[in-house]
Amino acid sequence: MVILDVTIINVAVPVVGRDLSASLTGVQWITDGYTLVLAGFLMTGGALGDRLGNRLVFCCGVVVFTLASAACAFAPTASALVAARLVEGLGAALIVPGSLALIQQSFPAPAARSWAFGLWGSMAGVAASVGPLLGGLLVTTVGWRWVFLINLPVGTACLLLTLRHVDTSPRRADRALDWPAQCAVVVSVALLTAALNEAGRRSWSDPAVLAGLALAVVAAAAFVVRERWARSPALPLSVLRSRTMSGGAAIGLLFNFGFYGMVFTASLYFQHQRGFSALATGAALFPAVATTMFASVLSGRLSRRTGDRPLVVSGMLLAALGLAGWAAAGADAAYAALVAPMMAAGFGTSFALTGSTATVMAAAPPEYSGAASALFNTTRQIGSATGVALGGSLLATGSDYGTGLRIAMAVGALAYLTAAGLALRCVPAKPDP
């Protein structure tokens, strides 16, 4: 639900804007408001889960998300829809860190945990990529409000299944929430995400973009200073300095940069350069989706034999080969020639997701599992926003869409190669005993 609501709205927004007479700013906030709140409050959601119990916070997040989705579906005005989307993003920020922490709690055996992380990753990959196709189907058949209504039965089932099958999580009420640090994270991530979104629309030299990036750096520095002296830090600096933890988070940022940059630039290219409809564009991107579930589950099964490092490295190299192949295919390559590169990028990204997730979660003490999950997913959100922003800028400033797309794919391939190099240094070589 959480990941689907990032991408499914893209094809519905033009119709929503017409139905609700939304301004251009209102249309932008329908899409970006959710992403900003989700990215900004992930660390807060993780900290709350560690303090109050991850199952409790996860279930509260599901309730908030589901009710907000209903409010989105029945919103009478654009302003009401934007407000509901902001609340929906808050619910999502409570769900995501708790989901990984609950997997960590429910599957203590490393082999079973790797399988579960693989399934988690496959769901995320499928949801991210199938969103435009599903959104196109819903908008053209039953209407845009069903983009949000489909969350109601899923959210209800999720809540009931969690309450029935997931054990209560330990609470650590003695750990006080470091609100100054949490505020610094919210401000830093929200400003960074907003600046990256605007860079894709305006330019990287725009004063508002530069100011947002500078203030995001200042807020991040304030977070580090605060954590150095805090009695109860959100995530101890000793953990953040861990090569395994920081390297795993950086790998997540890089592969989200490559994958979401590819999906975004390819979507614009297919629609504006080749004249595909929104539905046809979703279908054209489907090869990138088709391999994600298989790849994540396969890597979860293989990790018990090989460890995580070979899987992350090979996945990143395969994804880099895919995007490099697309860049080399030429501006007017036949669609059939692009299927293999898309499949390689989708498979490689999902193949590496399981190992990088397990690496980050294993590097954190159990009492900080929620915060570790939040850190990993925050860096992934930043990677996605950066990939989309850079891809949009390259398409807007290039002489034609084909040239901009080839440069974007080449940059994505370089990001994947960098992630492979990091994995060689940061991901443990052997499986846990």
Protein backbone atom coordinates (compact mmCIF):
# COMPACT_ATOMS: atom_id res chain seq x y z
CA MET A 1 0.00 0.00 0.00
CA VAL A 2 2.68 2.46 1.03
CA ILE A 3 4.89 2.06 -2.03
CA LEU A 4 1.98 1.70 -4.44
CA ASP A 5 0.60 5.06 -3.35
CA VAL A 6 3.84 6.74 -4.43
CA THR A 7 3.54 5.67 -8.07
CA ILE A 8 -0.11 4.86 -8.71
CA ILE A 9 -1.17 8.50 -8.37
CA ASN A 10 1.04 9.75 -11.19
CA VAL A 11 -1.26 8.71 -14.03
CA ALA A 12 -4.37 9.74 -12.07
CA VAL A 13 -3.27 13.28 -11.21
CA PRO A 14 -4.33 14.94 -14.50
CA VAL A 15 -7.84 13.54 -14.12
CA VAL A 16 -7.96 14.47 -10.44
CA GLY A 17 -6.89 18.01 -11.27
CA ARG A 18 -9.69 18.40 -13.80
CA ASP A 19 -12.37 16.87 -11.57
CA LEU A 20 -11.50 18.98 -8.55
CA SER A 21 -10.47 22.13 -10.47
CA ALA A 22 -7.06 22.03 -8.82
CA SER A 23 -4.36 24.57 -9.54
CA LEU A 24 -0.92 23.49 -10.74
CA THR A 25 0.38 23.91 -7.20
CA GLY A 26 -2.48 21.81 -5.86
CA VAL A 27 -1.74 19.05 -8.35
CA GLN A 28 1.91 19.06 -7.33
CA TRP A 29 1.03 18.79 -3.64
CA ILE A 30 -1.29 15.84 -4.30
CA THR A 31 1.76 13.88 -5.41
CA ASP A 32 4.60 15.49 -3.44
CA GLY A 33 2.84 16.07 -0.11
CA TYR A 34 2.61 12.34 0.54
CA THR A 35 6.25 11.74 -0.38
CA LEU A 36 7.51 14.64 1.74
CA VAL A 37 5.72 13.50 4.90
CA LEU A 38 6.66 9.86 4.34
CA ALA A 39 10.36 10.64 3.90
CA GLY A 40 10.47 13.24 6.67
CA PHE A 41 8.83 11.18 9.42
CA LEU A 42 10.36 7.75 8.80
CA MET A 43 12.97 8.25 11.53
CA THR A 44 10.27 9.41 13.95
CA GLY A 45 8.21 6.33 13.14
CA GLY A 46 11.22 4.11 13.80
CA ALA A 47 11.98 5.81 17.12
CA LEU A 48 8.36 5.50 18.25
CA GLY A 49 8.38 1.82 17.36
CA ASP A 50 11.51 1.18 19.41
CA ARG A 51 10.02 3.01 22.40
CA LEU A 52 6.34 1.96 22.34
CA GLY A 53 6.60 -1.39 20.56
CA ASN A 54 6.85 -1.92 16.83
CA ARG A 55 3.60 -3.88 16.52
CA LEU A 56 1.59 -1.16 18.24
CA VAL A 57 3.06 1.63 16.12
CA PHE A 58 2.73 -0.46 12.94
CA CYS A 59 -0.96 -1.12 13.63
CA CYS A 60 -1.57 2.56 14.43
CA GLY A 61 0.09 3.42 11.13
CA VAL A 62 -2.18 1.01 9.24
CA VAL A 63 -5.26 2.56 10.85
CA VAL A 64 -4.13 6.11 10.06
CA PHE A 65 -3.18 5.18 6.49
CA THR A 66 -6.45 3.35 5.80
CA LEU A 67 -8.67 6.11 7.21
CA ALA A 68 -6.67 8.75 5.33
CA SER A 69 -7.09 6.73 2.11
CA ALA A 70 -10.86 6.80 2.65
CA ALA A 71 -10.66 10.56 3.15
CA CYS A 72 -8.68 10.85 -0.10
CA ALA A 73 -11.27 8.80 -1.98
CA PHE A 74 -14.17 10.97 -0.83
CA ALA A 75 -12.37 14.33 -0.87
CA PRO A 76 -14.75 17.02 -2.22
CA THR A 77 -12.03 19.57 -3.03
CA ALA A 78 -8.37 19.66 -3.97
CA SER A 79 -7.47 21.17 -0.60
CA ALA A 80 -9.20 18.33 1.23
CA LEU A 81 -7.38 15.79 -0.91
CA VAL A 82 -4.00 17.40 -0.20
CA ALA A 83 -4.69 17.40 3.55
CA ALA A 84 -5.71 13.73 3.45
CA ARG A 85 -2.59 12.86 1.46
CA LEU A 86 -0.41 14.49 4.13
CA VAL A 87 -2.07 12.37 6.83
CA GLU A 88 -1.71 9.31 4.61
CA GLY A 89 2.02 10.00 4.40
CA LEU A 90 2.21 10.15 8.19
CA GLY A 91 0.53 6.73 8.45
CA ALA A 92 2.98 5.37 5.88
CA ALA A 93 5.93 6.68 7.92
CA LEU A 94 4.68 4.65 10.90
CA ILE A 95 4.17 1.50 8.81
CA VAL A 96 7.45 1.16 6.93
CA PRO A 97 10.02 1.04 9.79
CA GLY A 98 7.77 -1.26 11.81
CA SER A 99 7.38 -3.70 8.93
CA LEU A 100 11.08 -4.55 8.79
CA ALA A 101 11.43 -4.52 12.58
CA LEU A 102 8.54 -6.99 12.90
CA ILE A 103 10.15 -9.29 10.34
CA GLN A 104 13.38 -9.10 12.33
CA GLN A 105 11.40 -10.01 15.46
CA SER A 106 9.24 -12.74 13.93
CA PHE A 107 12.01 -14.62 12.09
CA PRO A 108 15.00 -15.05 14.44
CA ALA A 109 16.59 -17.76 12.27
CA PRO A 110 18.84 -16.10 9.63
CA ALA A 111 17.65 -18.35 6.77
CA ALA A 112 13.97 -17.70 7.44
CA ARG A 113 14.65 -14.00 7.97
CA SER A 114 16.43 -13.72 4.61
CA TRP A 115 13.46 -15.37 2.91
CA ALA A 116 11.08 -12.95 4.63
CA PHE A 117 13.21 -9.94 3.69
CA GLY A 118 13.18 -11.23 0.12
CA LEU A 119 9.40 -11.37 0.09
CA TRP A 120 9.23 -7.87 1.62
CA GLY A 121 11.52 -6.57 -1.09
CA SER A 122 9.61 -8.27 -3.88
CA MET A 123 6.36 -6.68 -2.74
CA ALA A 124 8.01 -3.26 -2.68
CA GLY A 125 9.48 -3.72 -6.16
CA VAL A 126 6.24 -4.98 -7.70
CA ALA A 127 4.19 -2.21 -6.06
CA ALA A 128 6.56 0.52 -7.24
CA SER A 129 6.61 -0.65 -10.82
CA VAL A 130 3.03 -1.83 -11.29
CA GLY A 131 1.61 1.44 -9.92
CA PRO A 132 1.38 3.27 -13.27
CA LEU A 133 -0.27 0.27 -14.96
CA LEU A 134 -2.77 -0.28 -12.16
CA GLY A 135 -3.45 3.45 -11.92
CA GLY A 136 -4.12 3.62 -15.64
CA LEU A 137 -6.54 0.68 -15.45
CA LEU A 138 -8.47 2.14 -12.51
CA VAL A 139 -8.68 5.65 -13.94
CA THR A 140 -9.92 4.45 -17.33
CA THR A 141 -12.45 1.97 -15.91
CA VAL A 142 -13.93 2.84 -12.49
CA GLY A 143 -12.49 6.32 -11.85
CA TRP A 144 -9.63 7.94 -9.96
CA ARG A 145 -11.23 7.60 -6.52
CA TRP A 146 -10.62 3.85 -6.66
CA VAL A 147 -6.90 4.58 -6.63
CA PHE A 148 -7.45 5.20 -2.91
CA LEU A 149 -10.45 2.95 -2.24
CA ILE A 150 -8.43 -0.19 -2.98
CA ASN A 151 -6.42 0.53 0.18
CA LEU A 152 -9.46 0.01 2.43
CA PRO A 153 -9.84 -3.79 2.17
CA VAL A 154 -6.07 -4.27 2.07
CA GLY A 155 -5.52 -2.12 5.15
CA THR A 156 -8.31 -3.87 7.07
CA ALA A 157 -6.91 -7.30 6.24
CA CYS A 158 -3.40 -6.17 7.14
CA LEU A 159 -4.53 -4.95 10.56
CA LEU A 160 -6.49 -8.10 11.39
CA LEU A 161 -3.71 -10.43 10.26
CA THR A 162 -1.08 -8.51 12.22
CA LEU A 163 -3.12 -8.55 15.43
CA ARG A 164 -3.73 -12.28 15.04
CA HIS A 165 -0.37 -13.60 13.89
CA VAL A 166 2.35 -11.17 15.04
CA ASP A 167 3.51 -11.25 18.66
CA THR A 168 3.50 -8.13 20.78
CA SER A 169 6.76 -6.21 20.54
CA PRO A 170 8.79 -5.25 23.61
CA ARG A 171 8.43 -1.69 24.82
CA ARG A 172 11.32 0.43 25.99
CA ALA A 173 9.48 3.18 27.82
CA ASP A 174 12.68 4.23 29.60
CA ARG A 175 14.05 5.54 26.31
CA ALA A 176 12.94 9.14 25.91
CA LEU A 177 12.29 10.48 22.43
CA ASP A 178 14.89 13.03 21.45
CA TRP A 179 12.51 15.58 19.96
CA PRO A 180 15.15 18.14 18.89
CA ALA A 181 16.93 15.41 16.90
CA GLN A 182 13.65 14.16 15.44
CA CYS A 183 12.71 17.68 14.35
CA ALA A 184 16.13 18.14 12.75
CA VAL A 185 15.66 14.91 10.76
CA VAL A 186 12.16 15.90 9.65
CA VAL A 187 13.33 19.33 8.52
CA SER A 188 16.44 17.99 6.79
CA VAL A 189 14.74 15.17 4.86
CA ALA A 190 11.66 17.23 3.98
CA LEU A 191 13.77 20.13 2.69
CA LEU A 192 16.04 17.80 0.75
CA THR A 193 13.12 15.96 -0.84
CA ALA A 194 11.34 19.21 -1.69
CA ALA A 195 14.50 20.70 -3.19
CA LEU A 196 15.08 17.59 -5.31
CA ASN A 197 11.49 17.63 -6.52
CA GLU A 198 11.80 21.28 -7.52
CA ALA A 199 15.17 20.67 -9.19
CA GLY A 200 13.43 18.26 -11.54
CA ARG A 201 10.86 20.93 -12.45
CA ARG A 202 13.03 24.06 -12.43
CA SER A 203 16.80 23.69 -12.52
CA TRP A 204 19.61 22.80 -10.16
CA SER A 205 20.76 26.44 -10.13
CA ASP A 206 17.36 27.82 -9.10
CA PRO A 207 17.71 29.92 -5.88
CA ALA A 208 14.88 28.06 -4.14
CA VAL A 209 16.51 24.71 -4.90
CA LEU A 210 19.93 25.86 -3.69
CA ALA A 211 18.44 27.35 -0.53
CA GLY A 212 16.54 24.14 0.20
CA LEU A 213 19.67 22.02 -0.25
CA ALA A 214 21.74 24.33 1.95
CA LEU A 215 19.16 24.37 4.75
CA ALA A 216 18.85 20.57 4.54
CA VAL A 217 22.61 20.28 5.12
CA VAL A 218 22.40 22.66 8.08
CA ALA A 219 19.56 20.64 9.63
CA ALA A 220 21.50 17.39 9.09
CA ALA A 221 24.53 18.90 10.81
CA ALA A 222 22.32 19.98 13.71
CA PHE A 223 21.08 16.38 13.99
CA VAL A 224 24.63 15.04 14.20
CA VAL A 225 25.62 17.59 16.85
CA ARG A 226 22.51 16.85 18.88
CA GLU A 227 23.04 13.07 18.69
CA ARG A 228 26.61 13.45 19.90
CA TRP A 229 25.40 14.89 23.22
CA ALA A 230 21.95 13.32 23.62
CA ARG A 231 21.36 10.98 26.58
CA SER A 232 18.99 8.85 24.52
CA PRO A 233 19.95 9.26 20.86
CA ALA A 234 17.59 8.23 18.06
CA LEU A 235 20.41 6.12 16.62
CA PRO A 236 23.78 6.15 18.40
CA LEU A 237 26.63 7.63 16.40
CA SER A 238 28.64 4.49 17.09
CA VAL A 239 26.05 2.55 15.09
CA LEU A 240 25.96 5.17 12.36
CA ARG A 241 29.76 5.01 12.08
CA SER A 242 29.60 1.27 11.48
CA ARG A 243 30.86 0.52 7.97
CA THR A 244 28.21 -2.16 7.60
CA MET A 245 25.35 0.11 8.62
CA SER A 246 26.39 3.22 6.70
CA GLY A 247 27.50 1.20 3.68
CA GLY A 248 24.24 -0.75 3.53
CA ALA A 249 22.24 2.48 3.73
CA ALA A 250 24.34 4.04 0.97
CA ILE A 251 23.79 0.99 -1.24
CA GLY A 252 20.04 1.39 -0.73
CA LEU A 253 20.26 5.03 -1.78
CA LEU A 254 22.22 4.17 -4.93
CA PHE A 255 20.05 1.37 -6.20
CA ASN A 256 16.86 3.33 -5.60
CA PHE A 257 18.50 6.19 -7.49
CA GLY A 258 19.14 3.91 -10.45
CA PHE A 259 15.83 2.03 -10.47
CA TYR A 260 13.39 4.89 -9.85
CA GLY A 261 15.37 7.17 -12.14
CA MET A 262 14.98 4.55 -14.87
CA VAL A 263 11.23 4.12 -14.30
CA PHE A 264 10.59 7.88 -14.25
CA THR A 265 12.66 8.81 -17.29
CA ALA A 266 11.40 5.82 -19.25
CA SER A 267 7.80 6.77 -18.43
CA LEU A 268 8.27 10.30 -19.80
CA TYR A 269 10.19 9.00 -22.80
CA PHE A 270 7.52 6.48 -23.78
CA GLN A 271 4.71 9.03 -23.42
CA HIS A 272 6.32 12.15 -24.90
CA GLN A 273 8.76 10.72 -27.42
CA ARG A 274 6.89 7.63 -28.58
CA GLY A 275 3.32 8.79 -27.97
CA PHE A 276 2.27 5.96 -25.65
CA SER A 277 -0.84 6.39 -23.51
CA ALA A 278 -0.56 6.14 -19.71
CA LEU A 279 -1.89 2.59 -19.83
CA ALA A 280 0.44 1.60 -22.66
CA THR A 281 3.36 3.12 -20.77
CA GLY A 282 2.58 1.02 -17.72
CA ALA A 283 2.46 -2.07 -19.93
CA ALA A 284 5.75 -1.10 -21.59
CA LEU A 285 7.45 -0.89 -18.20
CA PHE A 286 6.05 -4.23 -17.07
CA PRO A 287 9.23 -6.23 -17.96
CA ALA A 288 11.02 -4.34 -15.19
CA VAL A 289 8.30 -5.53 -12.80
CA ALA A 290 7.97 -9.10 -13.95
CA THR A 291 11.34 -10.17 -12.57
CA THR A 292 11.27 -8.38 -9.20
CA MET A 293 9.30 -10.91 -7.15
CA PHE A 294 11.26 -13.87 -8.47
CA ALA A 295 14.60 -12.11 -7.90
CA SER A 296 13.94 -11.11 -4.29
CA VAL A 297 12.65 -14.51 -3.23
CA LEU A 298 15.52 -16.26 -5.03
CA SER A 299 18.13 -14.09 -3.33
CA GLY A 300 16.51 -14.76 0.05
CA ARG A 301 16.87 -18.50 -0.54
CA LEU A 302 20.43 -18.28 -1.86
CA SER A 303 21.75 -16.07 0.93
CA ARG A 304 21.89 -18.94 3.42
CA ARG A 305 24.48 -20.63 1.18
CA THR A 306 26.42 -17.75 -0.27
CA GLY A 307 26.01 -14.91 2.20
CA ASP A 308 24.73 -11.49 1.23
CA ARG A 309 27.82 -9.99 -0.40
CA PRO A 310 27.89 -12.08 -3.61
CA LEU A 311 24.18 -11.48 -4.16
CA VAL A 312 24.35 -7.71 -3.68
CA VAL A 313 27.44 -7.37 -5.87
CA SER A 314 26.09 -9.55 -8.67
CA GLY A 315 22.70 -7.83 -8.55
CA MET A 316 24.23 -4.39 -8.84
CA LEU A 317 26.52 -5.46 -11.69
CA LEU A 318 23.59 -6.99 -13.59
CA ALA A 319 21.51 -3.83 -13.11
CA ALA A 320 24.44 -1.68 -14.26
CA LEU A 321 24.78 -3.85 -17.35
CA GLY A 322 21.08 -3.39 -18.07
CA LEU A 323 21.13 0.41 -17.90
CA ALA A 324 24.42 0.59 -19.80
CA GLY A 325 22.84 -1.56 -22.50
CA TRP A 326 19.90 0.83 -22.73
CA ALA A 327 22.25 3.82 -22.96
CA ALA A 328 24.16 2.11 -25.76
CA ALA A 329 21.02 1.05 -27.64
CA GLY A 330 20.51 4.46 -29.23
CA ALA A 331 17.76 7.06 -29.08
CA ASP A 332 15.46 5.27 -31.52
CA ALA A 333 16.03 1.65 -30.50
CA ALA A 334 13.16 -0.75 -31.11
CA TYR A 335 11.10 -1.47 -28.01
CA ALA A 336 12.09 -5.15 -28.19
CA ALA A 337 15.73 -4.13 -27.72
CA LEU A 338 14.82 -2.40 -24.43
CA VAL A 339 13.06 -5.37 -22.81
CA ALA A 340 16.27 -7.14 -21.74
CA PRO A 341 17.82 -3.99 -20.18
CA MET A 342 14.62 -3.33 -18.22
CA MET A 343 14.49 -6.91 -17.00
CA ALA A 344 18.17 -6.80 -16.00
CA ALA A 345 17.68 -3.57 -14.01
CA GLY A 346 14.55 -4.86 -12.26
CA PHE A 347 16.05 -8.27 -11.49
CA GLY A 348 19.39 -6.86 -10.31
CA THR A 349 17.82 -4.26 -8.02
CA SER A 350 15.49 -6.75 -6.35
CA PHE A 351 18.24 -9.36 -6.15
CA ALA A 352 20.39 -6.92 -4.16
CA LEU A 353 17.58 -5.53 -1.99
CA THR A 354 17.32 -8.59 0.24
CA GLY A 355 21.02 -8.67 1.10
CA SER A 356 21.32 -4.94 1.71
CA THR A 357 18.22 -5.00 3.94
CA ALA A 358 19.57 -7.90 5.96
CA THR A 359 22.95 -6.15 6.25
CA VAL A 360 21.48 -2.97 7.72
CA MET A 361 19.11 -4.76 10.09
CA ALA A 362 21.81 -7.12 11.37
CA ALA A 363 24.20 -4.22 12.03
CA ALA A 364 21.88 -2.56 14.56
CA PRO A 365 21.26 -3.72 18.13
CA PRO A 366 17.76 -5.24 18.58
CA GLU A 367 16.61 -2.26 20.63
CA TYR A 368 17.30 -0.02 17.63
CA SER A 369 15.72 -2.20 14.92
CA GLY A 370 13.01 0.36 14.18
CA ALA A 371 15.51 3.19 13.86
CA ALA A 372 17.76 1.08 11.61
CA SER A 373 14.82 0.25 9.36
CA ALA A 374 13.87 3.92 9.26
CA LEU A 375 17.42 4.96 8.33
CA PHE A 376 17.55 2.41 5.50
CA ASN A 377 14.21 3.46 4.08
CA THR A 378 14.96 7.17 4.47
CA THR A 379 18.12 6.84 2.40
CA ARG A 380 16.17 4.85 -0.19
CA GLN A 381 13.56 7.63 -0.39
CA ILE A 382 16.31 10.19 -0.88
CA GLY A 383 17.80 8.03 -3.63
CA SER A 384 14.44 7.80 -5.37
CA ALA A 385 13.88 11.56 -5.18
CA THR A 386 17.39 12.24 -6.49
CA GLY A 387 16.99 9.82 -9.39
CA VAL A 388 13.66 11.34 -10.40
CA ALA A 389 14.98 14.90 -10.07
CA LEU A 390 18.10 14.24 -12.09
CA GLY A 391 16.19 12.31 -14.73
CA GLY A 392 13.66 15.12 -15.09
CA SER A 393 16.43 17.70 -15.40
CA LEU A 394 18.27 15.71 -18.06
CA LEU A 395 15.12 15.25 -20.12
CA ALA A 396 14.21 18.93 -19.80
CA THR A 397 17.64 20.35 -20.71
CA GLY A 398 18.70 17.88 -23.40
CA SER A 399 18.31 18.57 -27.10
CA ASP A 400 15.76 15.77 -27.27
CA TYR A 401 14.23 13.14 -25.01
CA GLY A 402 16.35 10.38 -26.50
CA THR A 403 19.65 12.08 -25.61
CA GLY A 404 18.52 12.96 -22.10
CA LEU A 405 17.30 9.42 -21.51
CA ARG A 406 20.60 7.87 -22.63
CA ILE A 407 22.56 10.15 -20.28
CA ALA A 408 20.18 9.33 -17.42
CA MET A 409 20.63 5.60 -18.03
CA ALA A 410 24.41 5.98 -18.11
CA VAL A 411 24.36 7.86 -14.78
CA GLY A 412 22.12 5.15 -13.31
CA ALA A 413 24.56 2.47 -14.47
CA LEU A 414 27.39 4.36 -12.74
CA ALA A 415 25.35 4.48 -9.52
CA TYR A 416 24.85 0.71 -9.68
CA LEU A 417 28.59 0.16 -10.23
CA THR A 418 29.35 2.36 -7.22
CA ALA A 419 26.92 0.31 -5.13
CA ALA A 420 28.69 -2.89 -6.23
CA GLY A 421 32.01 -1.45 -5.09
CA LEU A 422 30.54 -0.46 -1.73
CA ALA A 423 29.08 -3.92 -1.28
CA LEU A 424 32.52 -5.47 -1.69
CA ARG A 425 33.73 -3.42 1.29
CA CYS A 426 30.66 -3.17 3.51
CA VAL A 427 28.45 -6.26 3.14
CA PRO A 428 29.52 -9.28 5.21
CA ALA A 429 31.14 -12.00 3.12
CA LYS A 430 29.62 -15.07 4.79
CA PRO A 431 26.12 -15.99 5.96
CA ASP A 432 25.26 -15.89 9.65
CA PRO A 433 25.69 -19.23 11.42
